[in-house]
C-alpha atoms as a PDB file:
ATOM      1  CA  MET A   1      64.323  15.562 -31.141  1.00  0.00           C
ATOM      2  CA  ILE A   2      60.991  14.417 -32.251  1.00  0.00           C
ATOM      3  CA  TRP A   3      61.461  10.987 -30.435  1.00  0.00           C
ATOM      4  CA  LEU A   4      62.468  12.574 -27.196  1.00  0.00           C
ATOM      5  CA  VAL A   5      59.011  14.846 -27.244  1.00  0.00           C
ATOM      6  CA  LEU A   6      57.003  11.388 -28.258  1.00  0.00           C
ATOM      7  CA  ALA A   7      58.928   9.772 -25.479  1.00  0.00           C
ATOM      8  CA  CYS A   8      58.409  12.106 -22.670  1.00  0.00           C
ATOM      9  CA  GLY A   9      54.816  13.066 -23.732  1.00  0.00           C
ATOM     10  CA  GLY A  10      53.608   8.952 -23.385  1.00  0.00           C
ATOM     11  CA  GLN A  11      49.834   8.290 -23.306  1.00  0.00           C
ATOM     12  CA  PRO A  12      47.452  10.448 -21.952  1.00  0.00           C
ATOM     13  CA  GLU A  13      45.984   9.476 -18.890  1.00  0.00           C
ATOM     14  CA  GLU A  14      42.349   7.807 -19.341  1.00  0.00           C
ATOM     15  CA  ALA A  15      39.760   9.475 -16.730  1.00  0.00           C
ATOM     16  CA  PRO A  16      38.903   6.672 -14.093  1.00  0.00           C
ATOM     17  CA  ALA A  17      35.487   4.806 -14.649  1.00  0.00           C
ATOM     18  CA  VAL A  18      32.997   6.075 -12.402  1.00  0.00           C
ATOM     19  CA  GLU A  19      31.724   2.622 -10.701  1.00  0.00           C
ATOM     20  CA  GLY A  20      28.289   2.088  -9.421  1.00  0.00           C
ATOM     21  CA  VAL A  21      26.541   4.749 -12.290  1.00  0.00           C
ATOM     22  CA  GLU A  22      24.643   2.713 -14.784  1.00  0.00           C
ATOM     23  CA  THR A  23      23.314   4.204 -17.731  1.00  0.00           C
ATOM     24  CA  PRO A  24      19.542   4.731 -17.759  1.00  0.00           C
ATOM     25  CA  PRO A  25      17.754   2.557 -20.298  1.00  0.00           C
ATOM     26  CA  PRO A  26      16.747   4.243 -23.342  1.00  0.00           C
ATOM     27  CA  ARG A  27      13.050   5.641 -23.292  1.00  0.00           C
ATOM     28  CA  THR A  28      10.355   3.186 -23.557  1.00  0.00           C
ATOM     29  CA  HIS A  29       8.623   4.598 -26.838  1.00  0.00           C
ATOM     30  CA  GLU A  30      12.778   4.301 -28.460  1.00  0.00           C
ATOM     31  CA  ARG A  31      12.681   0.681 -27.986  1.00  0.00           C
ATOM     32  CA  LEU A  32       8.846  -0.226 -29.224  1.00  0.00           C
ATOM     33  CA  LYS A  33       7.826  -1.259 -32.809  1.00  0.00           C
ATOM     34  CA  ALA A  34       5.000  -0.004 -34.185  1.00  0.00           C
ATOM     35  CA  LEU A  35       1.774  -1.806 -34.103  1.00  0.00           C
ATOM     36  CA  PRO A  36      -0.652  -2.445 -37.103  1.00  0.00           C
ATOM     37  CA  LEU A  37      -2.812   0.727 -37.712  1.00  0.00           C
ATOM     38  CA  PRO A  38      -5.611   0.556 -40.054  1.00  0.00           C
ATOM     39  CA  ASP A  39      -5.207   1.014 -43.787  1.00  0.00           C
ATOM     40  CA  THR A  40      -7.990   3.607 -43.843  1.00  0.00           C
ATOM     41  CA  LEU A  41      -8.030   7.144 -43.130  1.00  0.00           C
ATOM     42  CA  PRO A  42      -9.261   8.589 -40.765  1.00  0.00           C
ATOM     43  CA  PHE A  43      -9.223   6.788 -38.145  1.00  0.00           C
ATOM     44  CA  ASP A  44      -9.382   6.852 -33.945  1.00  0.00           C
ATOM     45  CA  ALA A  45      -6.187   5.567 -32.223  1.00  0.00           C
ATOM     46  CA  ARG A  46      -4.902   6.257 -28.255  1.00  0.00           C
ATOM     47  CA  THR A  47      -1.658   6.779 -26.879  1.00  0.00           C
ATOM     48  CA  ARG A  48       0.655   3.780 -25.894  1.00  0.00           C
ATOM     49  CA  THR A  49       3.164   4.896 -24.686  1.00  0.00           C
ATOM     50  CA  GLN A  50       3.938   7.755 -21.918  1.00  0.00           C
ATOM     51  CA  PRO A  51       5.427  10.838 -22.279  1.00  0.00           C
ATOM     52  CA  LEU A  52       4.184  11.309 -26.169  1.00  0.00           C
ATOM     53  CA  THR A  53       5.405  14.558 -27.841  1.00  0.00           C
ATOM     54  CA  LEU A  54       3.452  15.990 -30.243  1.00  0.00           C
ATOM     55  CA  VAL A  55       5.665  17.871 -32.785  1.00  0.00           C
ATOM     56  CA  ASP A  56       4.663  20.872 -35.686  1.00  0.00           C
ATOM     57  CA  GLU A  57       5.628  21.197 -39.070  1.00  0.00           C
ATOM     58  CA  ARG A  58       9.239  21.888 -38.469  1.00  0.00           C
ATOM     59  CA  GLY A  59       9.715  19.505 -35.644  1.00  0.00           C
ATOM     60  CA  GLN A  60       9.185  21.751 -32.872  1.00  0.00           C
ATOM     61  CA  PRO A  61       7.448  20.162 -29.612  1.00  0.00           C
ATOM     62  CA  THR A  62       3.668  21.524 -29.353  1.00  0.00           C
ATOM     63  CA  LEU A  63       2.737  19.389 -26.826  1.00  0.00           C
ATOM     64  CA  VAL A  64       3.558  16.427 -24.492  1.00  0.00           C
ATOM     65  CA  VAL A  65       1.209  14.212 -23.859  1.00  0.00           C
ATOM     66  CA  GLU A  66       1.656  12.511 -19.977  1.00  0.00           C
ATOM     67  CA  ALA A  67      -1.128  10.373 -19.498  1.00  0.00           C
ATOM     68  CA  LEU A  68      -1.641   7.096 -21.158  1.00  0.00           C
ATOM     69  CA  GLY A  69      -4.781   6.043 -23.420  1.00  0.00           C
ATOM     70  CA  VAL A  70      -5.456   9.486 -24.649  1.00  0.00           C
ATOM     71  CA  GLN A  71      -7.735  10.037 -27.818  1.00  0.00           C
ATOM     72  CA  VAL A  72      -6.020  10.953 -30.956  1.00  0.00           C
ATOM     73  CA  ARG A  73      -7.816  11.142 -34.302  1.00  0.00           C
ATOM     74  CA  VAL A  74      -5.088  10.167 -36.976  1.00  0.00           C
ATOM     75  CA  GLU A  75      -5.823  11.737 -40.332  1.00  0.00           C
ATOM     76  CA  ARG A  76      -2.103  10.959 -42.283  1.00  0.00           C
ATOM     77  CA  LEU A  77       0.454   8.193 -42.024  1.00  0.00           C
ATOM     78  CA  LEU A  78       4.108   8.208 -42.927  1.00  0.00           C
ATOM     79  CA  ALA A  79       6.519   4.951 -42.321  1.00  0.00           C
ATOM     80  CA  ASP A  80       7.620   6.173 -38.878  1.00  0.00           C
ATOM     81  CA  ARG A  81       4.723   9.001 -37.712  1.00  0.00           C
ATOM     82  CA  ALA A  82       1.494   9.822 -37.906  1.00  0.00           C
ATOM     83  CA  PHE A  83      -0.246  13.415 -38.573  1.00  0.00           C
ATOM     84  CA  GLY A  84      -3.169  14.102 -36.320  1.00  0.00           C
ATOM     85  CA  THR A  85      -5.263  15.851 -33.423  1.00  0.00           C
ATOM     86  CA  CYS A  86      -5.004  15.016 -29.911  1.00  0.00           C
ATOM     87  CA  THR A  87      -8.976  14.800 -29.391  1.00  0.00           C
ATOM     88  CA  GLY A  88      -8.768  13.802 -25.732  1.00  0.00           C
ATOM     89  CA  CYS A  89      -6.450  16.491 -24.511  1.00  0.00           C
ATOM     90  CA  ARG A  90      -7.798  19.676 -22.737  1.00  0.00           C
ATOM     91  CA  ALA A  91      -7.833  21.300 -25.921  1.00  0.00           C
ATOM     92  CA  GLU A  92      -7.443  19.761 -29.011  1.00  0.00           C
ATOM     93  CA  VAL A  93      -4.139  20.111 -30.659  1.00  0.00           C
ATOM     94  CA  THR A  94      -2.957  18.738 -34.034  1.00  0.00           C
ATOM     95  CA  GLY A  95       0.449  17.533 -34.949  1.00  0.00           C
ATOM     96  CA  TRP A  96       2.786  15.200 -35.752  1.00  0.00           C
ATOM     97  CA  PHE A  97       3.187  11.862 -33.551  1.00  0.00           C
ATOM     98  CA  GLN A  98       5.526   8.940 -33.117  1.00  0.00           C
ATOM     99  CA  ARG A  99       3.889   5.987 -34.883  1.00  0.00           C
ATOM    100  CA  GLN A 100       4.972   3.706 -32.317  1.00  0.00           C
ATOM    101  CA  GLY A 101       3.294   5.537 -29.428  1.00  0.00           C
ATOM    102  CA  LEU A 102      -0.091   4.403 -31.119  1.00  0.00           C
ATOM    103  CA  LEU A 103      -2.384   1.693 -30.490  1.00  0.00           C
ATOM    104  CA  VAL A 104      -5.827   0.787 -32.090  1.00  0.00           C
ATOM    105  CA  ALA A 105      -7.174  -2.210 -29.963  1.00  0.00           C
ATOM    106  CA  GLU A 106      -9.155  -3.615 -33.392  1.00  0.00           C
ATOM    107  CA  THR A 107      -5.722  -3.932 -35.208  1.00  0.00           C
ATOM    108  CA  ALA A 108      -3.713  -4.887 -32.056  1.00  0.00           C
ATOM    109  CA  ASP A 109      -3.070  -8.475 -30.966  1.00  0.00           C
ATOM    110  CA  PRO A 110      -4.278  -9.320 -27.576  1.00  0.00           C
ATOM    111  CA  ALA A 111      -1.777 -11.658 -26.596  1.00  0.00           C
ATOM    112  CA  SER A 112       1.147  -9.489 -27.555  1.00  0.00           C
ATOM    113  CA  LEU A 113       0.554  -6.737 -25.404  1.00  0.00           C
ATOM    114  CA  SER A 114       2.087  -5.560 -22.298  1.00  0.00           C
ATOM    115  CA  ARG A 115      -0.193  -5.123 -18.689  1.00  0.00           C
ATOM    116  CA  GLU A 116      -0.086  -1.089 -20.039  1.00  0.00           C
ATOM    117  CA  GLU A 117      -1.035  -1.549 -23.853  1.00  0.00           C
ATOM    118  CA  ALA A 118      -4.177  -4.036 -22.548  1.00  0.00           C
ATOM    119  CA  LEU A 119      -5.250  -1.373 -20.235  1.00  0.00           C
ATOM    120  CA  VAL A 120      -5.018   1.346 -23.281  1.00  0.00           C
ATOM    121  CA  ALA A 121      -7.130  -1.773 -25.365  1.00  0.00           C
ATOM    122  CA  TRP A 122      -9.763  -1.453 -22.262  1.00  0.00           C
ATOM    123  CA  LEU A 123     -10.095   1.935 -22.029  1.00  0.00           C
ATOM    124  CA  ASP A 124     -10.605   1.668 -25.616  1.00  0.00           C
ATOM    125  CA  SER A 125     -13.835  -0.903 -24.981  1.00  0.00           C
ATOM    126  CA  GLN A 126     -15.174   1.451 -22.460  1.00  0.00           C
ATOM    127  CA  GLU A 127     -18.124   4.164 -23.103  1.00  0.00           C
ATOM    128  CA  ARG A 128     -17.175   6.697 -20.850  1.00  0.00           C
ATOM    129  CA  PRO A 129     -16.165  10.274 -21.885  1.00  0.00           C
ATOM    130  CA  VAL A 130     -13.844  10.865 -18.773  1.00  0.00           C
ATOM    131  CA  LEU A 131     -11.669   7.863 -20.090  1.00  0.00           C
ATOM    132  CA  ALA A 132     -11.005  10.038 -23.300  1.00  0.00           C
ATOM    133  CA  HIS A 133      -8.386  12.020 -21.778  1.00  0.00           C
ATOM    134  CA  GLY A 134      -6.325   8.985 -21.186  1.00  0.00           C
ATOM    135  CA  VAL A 135      -5.211   8.075 -17.578  1.00  0.00           C
ATOM    136  CA  VAL A 136      -1.953   8.605 -14.736  1.00  0.00           C
ATOM    137  CA  ARG A 137      -0.774   6.267 -12.517  1.00  0.00           C
ATOM    138  CA  ARG A 138      -1.047   6.677  -8.565  1.00  0.00           C
ATOM    139  CA  ASP A 139      -0.012   4.020  -6.330  1.00  0.00           C
ATOM    140  CA  ASN A 140      -1.578   0.904  -7.570  1.00  0.00           C
ATOM    141  CA  VAL A 141      -4.194   2.444  -9.566  1.00  0.00           C
ATOM    142  CA  TRP A 142      -4.838   4.146 -12.699  1.00  0.00           C
ATOM    143  CA  LEU A 143      -6.662   7.396 -12.547  1.00  0.00           C
ATOM    144  CA  ALA A 144      -8.636   9.802 -15.054  1.00  0.00           C
ATOM    145  CA  PRO A 145      -8.653  12.340 -16.094  1.00  0.00           C
ATOM    146  CA  PRO A 146      -5.149  13.588 -15.619  1.00  0.00           C
ATOM    147  CA  TRP A 147      -5.700  16.471 -14.336  1.00  0.00           C
ATOM    148  CA  HIS A 148      -8.121  15.314 -11.521  1.00  0.00           C
ATOM    149  CA  ASP A 149      -6.224  16.660  -8.635  1.00  0.00           C
ATOM    150  CA  GLU A 150      -6.238  20.139  -9.785  1.00  0.00           C
ATOM    151  CA  GLY A 151      -7.556  22.769  -7.936  1.00  0.00           C
ATOM    152  CA  GLY A 152     -11.173  23.731  -9.806  1.00  0.00           C
ATOM    153  CA  TYR A 153     -11.584  20.354 -11.313  1.00  0.00           C
ATOM    154  CA  ALA A 154     -15.213  19.114 -10.730  1.00  0.00           C
ATOM    155  CA  GLY A 155     -15.837  16.560 -12.715  1.00  0.00           C
ATOM    156  CA  PRO A 156     -16.069  12.580 -12.731  1.00  0.00           C
ATOM    157  CA  VAL A 157     -12.816  10.949 -10.997  1.00  0.00           C
ATOM    158  CA  ALA A 158     -12.454   7.075 -13.038  1.00  0.00           C
ATOM    159  CA  THR A 159     -10.519   4.834 -10.490  1.00  0.00           C
ATOM    160  CA  ILE A 160      -8.915   1.457 -12.517  1.00  0.00           C
ATOM    161  CA  GLN A 161      -7.256  -1.586 -11.142  1.00  0.00           C
ATOM    162  CA  TRP A 162      -6.157  -4.517 -12.067  1.00  0.00           C
ATOM    163  CA  ARG A 163      -6.267  -7.962 -10.694  1.00  0.00           C
ATOM    164  CA  PRO A 164      -3.509 -10.026 -11.284  1.00  0.00           C
ATOM    165  CA  GLY A 165      -5.112 -13.015 -13.429  1.00  0.00           C
ATOM    166  CA  GLY A 166      -8.169 -10.779 -14.221  1.00  0.00           C
ATOM    167  CA  PRO A 167      -9.924  -8.330 -16.105  1.00  0.00           C
ATOM    168  CA  PHE A 168      -9.423  -4.167 -14.921  1.00  0.00           C
ATOM    169  CA  THR A 169     -12.122  -2.746 -12.952  1.00  0.00           C
ATOM    170  CA  LEU A 170     -13.790   0.641 -13.253  1.00  0.00           C
ATOM    171  CA  SER A 171     -15.430   2.577 -10.417  1.00  0.00           C
ATOM    172  CA  VAL A 172     -16.264   6.263 -11.349  1.00  0.00           C
ATOM    173  CA  THR A 173     -16.903   8.615  -8.530  1.00  0.00           C
ATOM    174  CA  GLU A 174     -19.357  11.493  -9.764  1.00  0.00           C
ATOM    175  CA  PRO A 175     -19.462  14.942  -8.445  1.00  0.00           C
ATOM    176  CA  ASP A 176     -21.887  16.091  -5.536  1.00  0.00           C
ATOM    177  CA  PRO A 177     -24.597  18.109  -7.106  1.00  0.00           C
ATOM    178  CA  PRO A 178     -24.356  22.144  -6.164  1.00  0.00           C
ATOM    179  CA  ALA A 179     -25.796  23.153  -2.992  1.00  0.00           C
ATOM    180  CA  GLN A 180     -29.358  24.832  -3.524  1.00  0.00           C
END
């Protein structure tokens, strides 16, 4: 009797594979290796990936940093994460960052950096407060601050371009003075 049930049941049919659907590649920050960071704490770093999620001590997300190159003050380092304050965010937020999502220009090998990482290192060399907030990409340029296009923003807007074979160029548009 058991043989009869097994013979009639056969193998279950497998669902046909869906053709043309590709699995997206893993998120960039999951593939990145952590760059060298200073041994002496605290130190300043910048976000090297976007988005980068800041979590609290229970691992709950507190902030998703959408911009690239946002300033961070690192106060504690573990093997896979760093504790610190997002000093370039609109409001300073403290929590844990993924270590591989951070870049310190002084400890990074310039020859091994991607174009975006080179931009982050370049931002660190500039002395413009508006660049502390990081940049977002629009078409073929990077703009700072990330909230430059929100209603009510009346501060400076930085535009950064990359020229093939050349350095980044920066132009800053200052707001018009208030009418008197």
